[in-house]
């Protein structure tokens, strides 16, 4: 296992260990068989600009600590059928999530297990949607939903807070990126 991959697992484990016992408010449901997360972020740009930056600029806001090969510049989203949120490093690659639905300027849906969940025998569905702010058309709202379930000998509820923490960090990074 290479060093960036070790960092990823350590970060996930640290996140799980440092989250307080009660579930984070954005963990909607959690059980041994799976969990659901949902949260929003207000963005200071129009929905069209936000969506373009969310998808085309993923390499600029994705956090390097949550990559397999240690560099955000290796991240990309291919928005074609069977495309992916992928990371490449020379001849190595990791498909973080597969693109299964794409509505330009509005929404993108992925399937797959992020990080350590990739090896757990589970599947997930993640939706990113961007809508205009109802009070100001020059602003927008990002909504993220992630539902994970399937068979694993491990208790998936133990991953809910850690995965929530990582996704919150990623979307905080995106929010900062579009705010600059």
N, C-alpha and C. Protein backbone atom coordinates (compact mmCIF):
# COMPACT_ATOMS: atom_id res chain seq x y z
N UNK A 1 0.85 -1.17 0.00
CA UNK A 1 0.00 0.00 0.00
C UNK A 1 0.90 1.24 0.00
N UNK A 2 0.63 2.21 -0.89
CA UNK A 2 1.51 3.38 -0.95
C UNK A 2 1.15 4.41 0.11
N UNK A 3 2.02 5.40 0.30
CA UNK A 3 1.83 6.39 1.36
C UNK A 3 0.54 7.19 1.23
N UNK A 4 0.18 7.74 0.04
CA UNK A 4 -1.07 8.49 -0.03
C UNK A 4 -2.27 7.64 0.34
N UNK A 5 -2.27 6.39 -0.06
CA UNK A 5 -3.38 5.50 0.30
C UNK A 5 -3.43 5.33 1.82
N UNK A 6 -2.27 5.17 2.44
CA UNK A 6 -2.21 5.08 3.90
C UNK A 6 -2.77 6.35 4.53
N UNK A 7 -2.40 7.51 3.98
CA UNK A 7 -2.92 8.78 4.52
C UNK A 7 -4.43 8.81 4.43
N UNK A 8 -4.98 8.31 3.32
CA UNK A 8 -6.43 8.31 3.13
C UNK A 8 -7.09 7.48 4.22
N UNK A 9 -6.59 6.25 4.44
CA UNK A 9 -7.17 5.38 5.45
C UNK A 9 -7.00 5.97 6.85
N UNK A 10 -5.86 6.56 7.12
CA UNK A 10 -5.63 7.18 8.43
C UNK A 10 -6.58 8.34 8.63
N UNK A 11 -6.76 9.16 7.59
CA UNK A 11 -7.68 10.29 7.70
C UNK A 11 -9.11 9.82 7.95
N UNK A 12 -9.53 8.75 7.25
CA UNK A 12 -10.87 8.22 7.46
C UNK A 12 -11.01 7.69 8.89
N UNK A 13 -10.03 6.94 9.36
CA UNK A 13 -10.09 6.38 10.70
C UNK A 13 -10.05 7.48 11.74
N UNK A 14 -9.19 8.49 11.54
CA UNK A 14 -9.10 9.60 12.47
C UNK A 14 -10.44 10.34 12.54
N UNK A 15 -11.05 10.56 11.36
CA UNK A 15 -12.36 11.23 11.32
C UNK A 15 -13.39 10.44 12.09
N UNK A 16 -13.38 9.13 11.95
CA UNK A 16 -14.34 8.28 12.66
C UNK A 16 -14.09 8.33 14.15
N UNK A 17 -12.84 8.37 14.56
CA UNK A 17 -12.50 8.34 15.98
C UNK A 17 -12.72 9.69 16.66
N UNK A 18 -12.65 10.79 15.90
CA UNK A 18 -12.73 12.10 16.53
C UNK A 18 -14.12 12.71 16.50
N UNK A 19 -15.06 12.10 15.80
CA UNK A 19 -16.42 12.63 15.78
C UNK A 19 -17.10 12.21 17.08
N UNK A 20 -17.82 13.14 17.69
CA UNK A 20 -18.49 12.84 18.96
C UNK A 20 -19.48 11.70 18.78
N UNK A 21 -19.83 11.05 19.87
CA UNK A 21 -20.70 9.87 19.84
C UNK A 21 -22.04 10.12 19.13
N UNK A 22 -22.76 11.24 19.39
CA UNK A 22 -24.01 11.43 18.68
C UNK A 22 -23.73 11.62 17.18
N UNK A 23 -24.67 11.15 16.36
CA UNK A 23 -24.51 11.29 14.92
C UNK A 23 -24.48 12.76 14.53
N UNK A 24 -23.67 13.08 13.53
CA UNK A 24 -23.62 14.43 12.98
C UNK A 24 -25.00 14.75 12.42
N UNK A 25 -25.41 15.98 12.50
CA UNK A 25 -26.75 16.37 12.08
C UNK A 25 -27.03 16.01 10.63
N UNK A 26 -26.01 15.88 9.81
CA UNK A 26 -26.22 15.60 8.39
C UNK A 26 -26.24 14.12 8.07
N UNK A 27 -26.04 13.26 9.06
CA UNK A 27 -26.25 11.84 8.87
C UNK A 27 -27.75 11.63 9.06
N UNK A 28 -28.44 11.33 7.97
CA UNK A 28 -29.90 11.22 8.00
C UNK A 28 -30.34 9.93 8.66
N UNK A 29 -29.65 8.85 8.31
CA UNK A 29 -30.00 7.54 8.85
C UNK A 29 -28.73 6.69 8.85
N UNK A 30 -28.63 5.78 9.81
CA UNK A 30 -27.46 4.92 9.90
C UNK A 30 -27.84 3.61 10.55
N UNK A 31 -27.35 2.50 9.96
CA UNK A 31 -27.57 1.18 10.53
C UNK A 31 -26.39 0.29 10.16
N UNK A 32 -26.40 -0.93 10.63
CA UNK A 32 -25.32 -1.85 10.29
C UNK A 32 -25.27 -2.13 8.79
N UNK A 33 -26.41 -1.96 8.10
CA UNK A 33 -26.50 -2.27 6.67
C UNK A 33 -26.25 -1.07 5.77
N UNK A 34 -26.14 0.15 6.33
CA UNK A 34 -25.90 1.31 5.47
C UNK A 34 -26.16 2.62 6.16
N UNK A 35 -26.06 3.69 5.39
CA UNK A 35 -26.30 5.02 5.93
C UNK A 35 -26.67 5.98 4.81
N UNK A 36 -27.29 7.11 5.20
CA UNK A 36 -27.66 8.18 4.28
C UNK A 36 -27.17 9.50 4.84
N UNK A 37 -26.57 10.31 3.98
CA UNK A 37 -26.07 11.64 4.34
C UNK A 37 -26.72 12.67 3.42
N UNK A 38 -26.91 13.86 3.91
CA UNK A 38 -27.41 14.95 3.06
C UNK A 38 -27.03 16.27 3.70
N UNK A 39 -26.59 17.22 2.89
CA UNK A 39 -26.29 18.55 3.39
C UNK A 39 -26.27 19.53 2.22
N UNK A 40 -26.29 20.81 2.55
CA UNK A 40 -26.27 21.87 1.53
C UNK A 40 -25.17 22.87 1.84
N UNK A 41 -24.78 23.61 0.80
CA UNK A 41 -23.83 24.71 0.92
C UNK A 41 -24.33 25.86 0.07
N UNK A 42 -24.41 27.05 0.63
CA UNK A 42 -24.71 28.25 -0.14
C UNK A 42 -23.47 28.69 -0.89
N UNK A 43 -23.65 29.10 -2.13
CA UNK A 43 -22.52 29.49 -2.98
C UNK A 43 -22.72 30.90 -3.52
N UNK A 44 -21.66 31.71 -3.57
CA UNK A 44 -21.78 33.11 -3.99
C UNK A 44 -21.69 33.32 -5.51
N UNK A 45 -22.04 32.30 -6.28
CA UNK A 45 -22.00 32.40 -7.75
C UNK A 45 -23.29 31.80 -8.31
N UNK A 46 -23.58 32.10 -9.57
CA UNK A 46 -24.78 31.57 -10.21
C UNK A 46 -24.70 30.05 -10.30
N UNK A 47 -25.85 29.43 -10.51
CA UNK A 47 -25.91 27.98 -10.62
C UNK A 47 -25.05 27.47 -11.79
N UNK A 48 -25.07 28.16 -12.92
CA UNK A 48 -24.28 27.73 -14.07
C UNK A 48 -22.78 27.75 -13.77
N UNK A 49 -22.33 28.82 -13.15
CA UNK A 49 -20.90 28.92 -12.80
C UNK A 49 -20.54 27.87 -11.76
N UNK A 50 -21.38 27.72 -10.75
CA UNK A 50 -21.11 26.74 -9.69
C UNK A 50 -21.00 25.33 -10.26
N UNK A 51 -21.93 24.96 -11.14
CA UNK A 51 -21.92 23.61 -11.69
C UNK A 51 -20.67 23.38 -12.54
N UNK A 52 -20.31 24.37 -13.34
CA UNK A 52 -19.12 24.23 -14.18
C UNK A 52 -17.89 24.04 -13.30
N UNK A 53 -17.76 24.82 -12.24
CA UNK A 53 -16.60 24.70 -11.35
C UNK A 53 -16.63 23.39 -10.55
N UNK A 54 -17.81 22.94 -10.20
CA UNK A 54 -17.95 21.69 -9.45
C UNK A 54 -17.45 20.51 -10.27
N UNK A 55 -17.80 20.48 -11.55
CA UNK A 55 -17.48 19.33 -12.38
C UNK A 55 -16.18 19.48 -13.15
N UNK A 56 -15.99 20.59 -13.84
CA UNK A 56 -14.80 20.76 -14.69
C UNK A 56 -13.54 21.09 -13.89
N UNK A 57 -13.70 21.67 -12.72
CA UNK A 57 -12.54 22.12 -11.93
C UNK A 57 -12.28 21.26 -10.70
N UNK A 58 -12.75 20.02 -10.69
CA UNK A 58 -12.62 19.18 -9.50
C UNK A 58 -11.16 19.09 -9.04
N UNK A 59 -10.23 19.13 -9.97
CA UNK A 59 -8.80 19.05 -9.63
C UNK A 59 -8.31 20.28 -8.86
N UNK A 60 -9.10 21.36 -8.88
CA UNK A 60 -8.71 22.59 -8.18
C UNK A 60 -9.23 22.67 -6.76
N UNK A 61 -10.27 21.90 -6.45
CA UNK A 61 -10.84 22.00 -5.09
C UNK A 61 -10.82 20.68 -4.32
N UNK A 62 -10.65 19.54 -4.98
CA UNK A 62 -10.61 18.26 -4.28
C UNK A 62 -9.37 18.24 -3.37
N UNK A 63 -9.53 17.81 -2.16
CA UNK A 63 -8.43 17.83 -1.20
C UNK A 63 -7.46 16.66 -1.43
N UNK A 64 -6.19 16.97 -1.50
CA UNK A 64 -5.16 15.97 -1.77
C UNK A 64 -5.13 14.87 -0.71
N UNK A 65 -5.49 15.19 0.53
CA UNK A 65 -5.51 14.18 1.59
C UNK A 65 -6.53 13.08 1.33
N UNK A 66 -7.46 13.34 0.42
CA UNK A 66 -8.51 12.36 0.12
C UNK A 66 -8.36 11.84 -1.31
N UNK A 67 -7.10 11.62 -1.67
CA UNK A 67 -6.78 10.99 -2.95
C UNK A 67 -5.97 9.73 -2.64
N UNK A 68 -5.87 8.84 -3.62
CA UNK A 68 -5.08 7.64 -3.45
C UNK A 68 -3.61 7.90 -3.74
N UNK A 69 -3.32 8.86 -4.63
CA UNK A 69 -1.94 9.06 -5.08
C UNK A 69 -1.35 10.38 -4.62
N UNK A 70 -2.06 11.12 -3.75
CA UNK A 70 -1.48 12.27 -3.08
C UNK A 70 -1.51 13.59 -3.82
N UNK A 71 -2.24 13.69 -4.93
CA UNK A 71 -2.27 14.96 -5.67
C UNK A 71 -3.66 15.22 -6.24
N UNK A 72 -4.23 16.37 -5.92
CA UNK A 72 -5.53 16.75 -6.45
C UNK A 72 -5.50 16.97 -7.95
N UNK A 73 -4.33 17.31 -8.48
CA UNK A 73 -4.25 17.56 -9.92
C UNK A 73 -4.55 16.32 -10.74
N UNK A 74 -4.54 15.15 -10.12
CA UNK A 74 -4.85 13.89 -10.80
C UNK A 74 -6.35 13.62 -10.91
N UNK A 75 -7.18 14.49 -10.31
CA UNK A 75 -8.62 14.27 -10.26
C UNK A 75 -9.32 14.87 -11.49
N UNK A 76 -10.34 14.14 -11.97
CA UNK A 76 -11.15 14.65 -13.08
C UNK A 76 -12.52 13.99 -13.04
N UNK A 77 -13.47 14.64 -13.70
CA UNK A 77 -14.80 14.06 -13.87
C UNK A 77 -15.08 14.00 -15.36
N UNK A 78 -15.32 12.81 -15.86
CA UNK A 78 -15.71 12.60 -17.25
C UNK A 78 -17.23 12.48 -17.24
N UNK A 79 -17.92 13.44 -17.84
CA UNK A 79 -19.38 13.51 -17.77
C UNK A 79 -20.07 12.80 -18.93
N UNK A 80 -19.41 11.84 -19.51
CA UNK A 80 -20.02 11.03 -20.57
C UNK A 80 -20.58 9.75 -19.97
N UNK A 81 -21.46 9.02 -20.74
CA UNK A 81 -21.93 7.73 -20.22
C UNK A 81 -20.75 6.84 -19.85
N UNK A 82 -20.84 6.20 -18.70
CA UNK A 82 -19.77 5.38 -18.12
C UNK A 82 -18.54 6.19 -17.74
N UNK A 83 -18.71 7.49 -17.62
CA UNK A 83 -17.62 8.35 -17.16
C UNK A 83 -17.41 8.15 -15.67
N UNK A 84 -16.44 8.87 -15.13
CA UNK A 84 -16.20 8.68 -13.70
C UNK A 84 -15.56 9.91 -13.06
N UNK A 85 -15.66 9.94 -11.76
CA UNK A 85 -14.84 10.80 -10.92
C UNK A 85 -13.61 9.96 -10.70
N UNK A 86 -12.55 10.27 -11.46
CA UNK A 86 -11.38 9.41 -11.51
C UNK A 86 -10.12 10.15 -11.08
N UNK A 87 -9.16 9.35 -10.72
CA UNK A 87 -7.83 9.84 -10.35
C UNK A 87 -6.83 9.01 -11.12
N UNK A 88 -5.96 9.69 -11.85
CA UNK A 88 -4.92 8.98 -12.60
C UNK A 88 -3.55 9.42 -12.11
N UNK A 89 -2.63 8.48 -12.18
CA UNK A 89 -1.26 8.74 -11.76
C UNK A 89 -0.37 7.88 -12.65
N UNK A 90 0.01 8.43 -13.80
CA UNK A 90 0.75 7.62 -14.76
C UNK A 90 -0.14 6.50 -15.26
N UNK A 91 0.32 5.27 -15.12
CA UNK A 91 -0.47 4.12 -15.57
C UNK A 91 -1.46 3.64 -14.50
N UNK A 92 -1.36 4.18 -13.28
CA UNK A 92 -2.28 3.81 -12.20
C UNK A 92 -3.55 4.65 -12.29
N UNK A 93 -4.65 4.11 -11.85
CA UNK A 93 -5.87 4.91 -11.76
C UNK A 93 -6.78 4.34 -10.68
N UNK A 94 -7.67 5.20 -10.20
CA UNK A 94 -8.72 4.79 -9.29
C UNK A 94 -10.00 5.46 -9.75
N UNK A 95 -11.04 4.66 -9.89
CA UNK A 95 -12.37 5.19 -10.15
C UNK A 95 -13.01 5.41 -8.79
N UNK A 96 -13.09 6.67 -8.36
CA UNK A 96 -13.72 6.97 -7.07
C UNK A 96 -15.22 6.70 -7.16
N UNK A 97 -15.86 7.22 -8.20
CA UNK A 97 -17.29 7.04 -8.41
C UNK A 97 -17.57 7.02 -9.91
N UNK A 98 -18.62 6.31 -10.32
CA UNK A 98 -19.02 6.23 -11.74
C UNK A 98 -20.17 7.20 -11.99
N UNK A 99 -20.11 7.93 -13.10
CA UNK A 99 -21.18 8.85 -13.50
C UNK A 99 -22.31 8.03 -14.12
N UNK A 100 -23.52 8.16 -13.57
CA UNK A 100 -24.67 7.43 -14.12
C UNK A 100 -25.78 8.35 -14.58
N UNK A 101 -25.70 9.63 -14.24
CA UNK A 101 -26.68 10.62 -14.69
C UNK A 101 -26.02 11.98 -14.72
N UNK A 102 -26.30 12.71 -15.79
CA UNK A 102 -25.69 14.04 -15.94
C UNK A 102 -26.71 14.97 -16.57
N UNK A 103 -27.03 16.05 -15.88
CA UNK A 103 -27.90 17.10 -16.38
C UNK A 103 -27.11 18.40 -16.31
N UNK A 104 -26.53 18.83 -17.45
CA UNK A 104 -25.64 19.99 -17.44
C UNK A 104 -26.25 21.20 -16.71
N UNK A 105 -25.46 21.77 -15.84
CA UNK A 105 -25.87 22.95 -15.10
C UNK A 105 -26.79 22.67 -13.92
N UNK A 106 -27.18 21.40 -13.72
CA UNK A 106 -28.15 21.10 -12.67
C UNK A 106 -27.72 20.00 -11.71
N UNK A 107 -27.38 18.84 -12.27
CA UNK A 107 -27.16 17.69 -11.38
C UNK A 107 -26.22 16.67 -12.01
N UNK A 108 -25.54 15.95 -11.13
CA UNK A 108 -24.74 14.81 -11.54
C UNK A 108 -24.93 13.72 -10.49
N UNK A 109 -25.14 12.50 -10.95
CA UNK A 109 -25.32 11.36 -10.04
C UNK A 109 -24.18 10.37 -10.28
N UNK A 110 -23.66 9.87 -9.18
CA UNK A 110 -22.58 8.89 -9.21
C UNK A 110 -23.03 7.62 -8.49
N UNK A 111 -22.37 6.51 -8.80
CA UNK A 111 -22.52 5.30 -7.99
C UNK A 111 -21.14 4.84 -7.57
N UNK A 112 -21.08 4.16 -6.45
CA UNK A 112 -19.82 3.59 -5.98
C UNK A 112 -19.57 3.87 -4.52
N UNK A 113 -18.52 3.25 -4.03
CA UNK A 113 -18.10 3.42 -2.65
C UNK A 113 -16.83 4.25 -2.60
N UNK A 114 -16.88 5.35 -1.88
CA UNK A 114 -15.70 6.21 -1.75
C UNK A 114 -14.66 5.59 -0.82
N UNK A 115 -13.40 5.84 -1.13
CA UNK A 115 -12.29 5.45 -0.27
C UNK A 115 -12.34 4.00 0.15
N UNK A 116 -12.22 3.75 1.45
CA UNK A 116 -12.20 2.38 1.96
C UNK A 116 -13.50 1.63 1.67
N UNK A 117 -14.60 2.33 1.43
CA UNK A 117 -15.85 1.65 1.11
C UNK A 117 -15.75 0.91 -0.21
N UNK A 118 -14.82 1.33 -1.05
CA UNK A 118 -14.64 0.69 -2.35
C UNK A 118 -14.35 -0.81 -2.21
N UNK A 119 -13.68 -1.19 -1.15
CA UNK A 119 -13.34 -2.59 -0.94
C UNK A 119 -14.26 -3.33 0.00
N UNK A 120 -15.37 -2.74 0.37
CA UNK A 120 -16.27 -3.34 1.36
C UNK A 120 -17.39 -4.17 0.76
N UNK A 121 -17.54 -4.24 -0.54
CA UNK A 121 -18.64 -5.00 -1.11
C UNK A 121 -19.97 -4.28 -1.00
N UNK A 122 -19.94 -2.96 -0.90
CA UNK A 122 -21.16 -2.16 -0.82
C UNK A 122 -21.25 -1.27 -2.05
N UNK A 123 -22.36 -0.61 -2.20
CA UNK A 123 -22.52 0.35 -3.27
C UNK A 123 -23.13 1.61 -2.68
N UNK A 124 -22.94 2.71 -3.37
CA UNK A 124 -23.51 3.96 -2.94
C UNK A 124 -24.05 4.72 -4.13
N UNK A 125 -24.94 5.65 -3.84
CA UNK A 125 -25.46 6.58 -4.84
C UNK A 125 -25.24 7.97 -4.27
N UNK A 126 -24.51 8.80 -5.03
CA UNK A 126 -24.24 10.16 -4.60
C UNK A 126 -24.80 11.12 -5.62
N UNK A 127 -25.56 12.09 -5.14
CA UNK A 127 -26.12 13.14 -5.98
C UNK A 127 -25.53 14.48 -5.59
N UNK A 128 -25.08 15.23 -6.59
CA UNK A 128 -24.71 16.63 -6.42
C UNK A 128 -25.70 17.41 -7.27
N UNK A 129 -26.39 18.36 -6.67
CA UNK A 129 -27.28 19.20 -7.47
C UNK A 129 -27.03 20.66 -7.11
N UNK A 130 -27.19 21.49 -8.12
CA UNK A 130 -27.03 22.93 -7.96
C UNK A 130 -28.34 23.58 -8.37
N UNK A 131 -28.87 24.45 -7.51
CA UNK A 131 -30.08 25.19 -7.83
C UNK A 131 -29.84 26.67 -7.56
N UNK A 132 -30.54 27.53 -8.30
CA UNK A 132 -30.43 28.96 -8.00
C UNK A 132 -30.96 29.24 -6.60
N UNK A 133 -30.33 30.17 -5.92
CA UNK A 133 -30.81 30.61 -4.61
C UNK A 133 -32.17 31.27 -4.82
N UNK A 134 -33.16 30.91 -4.03
CA UNK A 134 -34.52 31.44 -4.22
C UNK A 134 -34.62 32.94 -3.93
N UNK A 135 -33.65 33.50 -3.22
CA UNK A 135 -33.69 34.92 -2.87
C UNK A 135 -32.76 35.78 -3.72
N UNK A 136 -31.78 35.16 -4.37
CA UNK A 136 -30.79 35.92 -5.13
C UNK A 136 -30.29 35.07 -6.29
N UNK A 137 -30.70 35.40 -7.53
CA UNK A 137 -30.29 34.58 -8.68
C UNK A 137 -28.79 34.61 -8.97
N UNK A 138 -28.06 35.50 -8.33
CA UNK A 138 -26.61 35.55 -8.50
C UNK A 138 -25.89 34.59 -7.55
N UNK A 139 -26.68 33.90 -6.74
CA UNK A 139 -26.16 32.91 -5.81
C UNK A 139 -26.80 31.57 -6.12
N UNK A 140 -26.25 30.50 -5.55
CA UNK A 140 -26.80 29.17 -5.78
C UNK A 140 -26.64 28.32 -4.53
N UNK A 141 -27.24 27.12 -4.59
CA UNK A 141 -27.19 26.19 -3.47
C UNK A 141 -26.75 24.83 -4.00
N UNK A 142 -25.73 24.27 -3.37
CA UNK A 142 -25.27 22.93 -3.66
C UNK A 142 -25.90 21.98 -2.65
N UNK A 143 -26.51 20.91 -3.13
CA UNK A 143 -27.05 19.87 -2.26
C UNK A 143 -26.31 18.58 -2.56
N UNK A 144 -25.83 17.92 -1.53
CA UNK A 144 -25.11 16.65 -1.65
C UNK A 144 -25.88 15.59 -0.88
N UNK A 145 -26.14 14.46 -1.53
CA UNK A 145 -26.77 13.32 -0.88
C UNK A 145 -25.94 12.09 -1.21
N UNK A 146 -25.72 11.25 -0.21
CA UNK A 146 -24.97 10.01 -0.42
C UNK A 146 -25.63 8.91 0.40
N UNK A 147 -26.02 7.83 -0.28
CA UNK A 147 -26.65 6.68 0.35
C UNK A 147 -25.80 5.46 0.07
N UNK A 148 -25.44 4.73 1.11
CA UNK A 148 -24.55 3.58 0.99
C UNK A 148 -25.21 2.38 1.66
N UNK A 149 -25.12 1.22 1.00
CA UNK A 149 -25.66 0.00 1.58
C UNK A 149 -25.12 -1.22 0.86
N UNK A 150 -25.33 -2.37 1.44
CA UNK A 150 -24.89 -3.61 0.82
C UNK A 150 -24.34 -4.56 1.86
N UNK A 151 -23.73 -5.62 1.38
CA UNK A 151 -23.19 -6.60 2.30
C UNK A 151 -21.73 -6.28 2.64
N UNK A 152 -21.44 -6.34 3.89
CA UNK A 152 -20.08 -6.30 4.40
C UNK A 152 -20.11 -6.96 5.78
N UNK A 153 -19.05 -7.64 6.17
CA UNK A 153 -19.04 -8.20 7.52
C UNK A 153 -18.86 -7.12 8.58
N UNK A 154 -18.62 -5.89 8.14
CA UNK A 154 -18.41 -4.77 9.07
C UNK A 154 -19.69 -3.97 9.26
N UNK A 155 -19.78 -3.27 10.34
CA UNK A 155 -20.92 -2.43 10.69
C UNK A 155 -20.81 -1.10 9.94
N UNK A 156 -21.65 -0.90 8.92
CA UNK A 156 -21.56 0.33 8.12
C UNK A 156 -21.90 1.58 8.91
N UNK A 157 -22.66 1.45 9.99
CA UNK A 157 -22.96 2.65 10.78
C UNK A 157 -21.68 3.26 11.34
N UNK A 158 -20.64 2.45 11.50
CA UNK A 158 -19.36 2.96 12.00
C UNK A 158 -18.67 3.88 11.00
N UNK A 159 -19.07 3.82 9.72
CA UNK A 159 -18.47 4.66 8.68
C UNK A 159 -19.23 5.97 8.46
N UNK A 160 -20.47 6.05 8.91
CA UNK A 160 -21.32 7.19 8.58
C UNK A 160 -20.69 8.53 8.95
N UNK A 161 -20.24 8.68 10.17
CA UNK A 161 -19.67 9.97 10.60
C UNK A 161 -18.37 10.30 9.87
N UNK A 162 -17.54 9.29 9.65
CA UNK A 162 -16.27 9.53 8.96
C UNK A 162 -16.51 9.96 7.51
N UNK A 163 -17.40 9.27 6.82
CA UNK A 163 -17.70 9.63 5.43
C UNK A 163 -18.35 11.01 5.38
N UNK A 164 -19.27 11.28 6.29
CA UNK A 164 -19.88 12.61 6.37
C UNK A 164 -18.80 13.68 6.56
N UNK A 165 -17.87 13.42 7.47
CA UNK A 165 -16.79 14.37 7.74
C UNK A 165 -15.95 14.63 6.48
N UNK A 166 -15.60 13.59 5.76
CA UNK A 166 -14.79 13.75 4.55
C UNK A 166 -15.57 14.53 3.49
N UNK A 167 -16.82 14.18 3.27
CA UNK A 167 -17.62 14.90 2.27
C UNK A 167 -17.82 16.36 2.66
N UNK A 168 -18.03 16.61 3.94
CA UNK A 168 -18.16 18.00 4.41
C UNK A 168 -16.87 18.78 4.12
N UNK A 169 -15.72 18.15 4.38
CA UNK A 169 -14.44 18.81 4.09
C UNK A 169 -14.31 19.11 2.59
N UNK A 170 -14.69 18.14 1.75
CA UNK A 170 -14.59 18.33 0.31
C UNK A 170 -15.48 19.48 -0.15
N UNK A 171 -16.70 19.54 0.34
CA UNK A 171 -17.61 20.57 -0.11
C UNK A 171 -17.28 21.93 0.52
N UNK A 172 -16.68 21.93 1.71
CA UNK A 172 -16.16 23.18 2.26
C UNK A 172 -15.05 23.71 1.36
N UNK A 173 -14.20 22.81 0.89
CA UNK A 173 -13.12 23.20 -0.02
C UNK A 173 -13.70 23.76 -1.33
N UNK A 174 -14.74 23.10 -1.85
CA UNK A 174 -15.39 23.61 -3.06
C UNK A 174 -16.00 24.99 -2.80
N UNK A 175 -16.67 25.15 -1.68
CA UNK A 175 -17.30 26.43 -1.33
C UNK A 175 -16.24 27.54 -1.26
N UNK A 176 -15.09 27.24 -0.66
CA UNK A 176 -13.99 28.20 -0.60
C UNK A 176 -13.47 28.52 -1.99
N UNK A 177 -13.32 27.48 -2.83
CA UNK A 177 -12.83 27.66 -4.20
C UNK A 177 -13.74 28.62 -4.99
N UNK A 178 -15.05 28.44 -4.94
CA UNK A 178 -15.93 29.31 -5.71
C UNK A 178 -16.09 30.69 -5.08
N UNK A 179 -15.70 30.83 -3.81
CA UNK A 179 -15.81 32.11 -3.14
C UNK A 179 -14.63 33.03 -3.40
N UNK A 180 -13.52 32.45 -3.86
CA UNK A 180 -12.31 33.26 -4.11
C UNK A 180 -12.40 34.03 -5.41
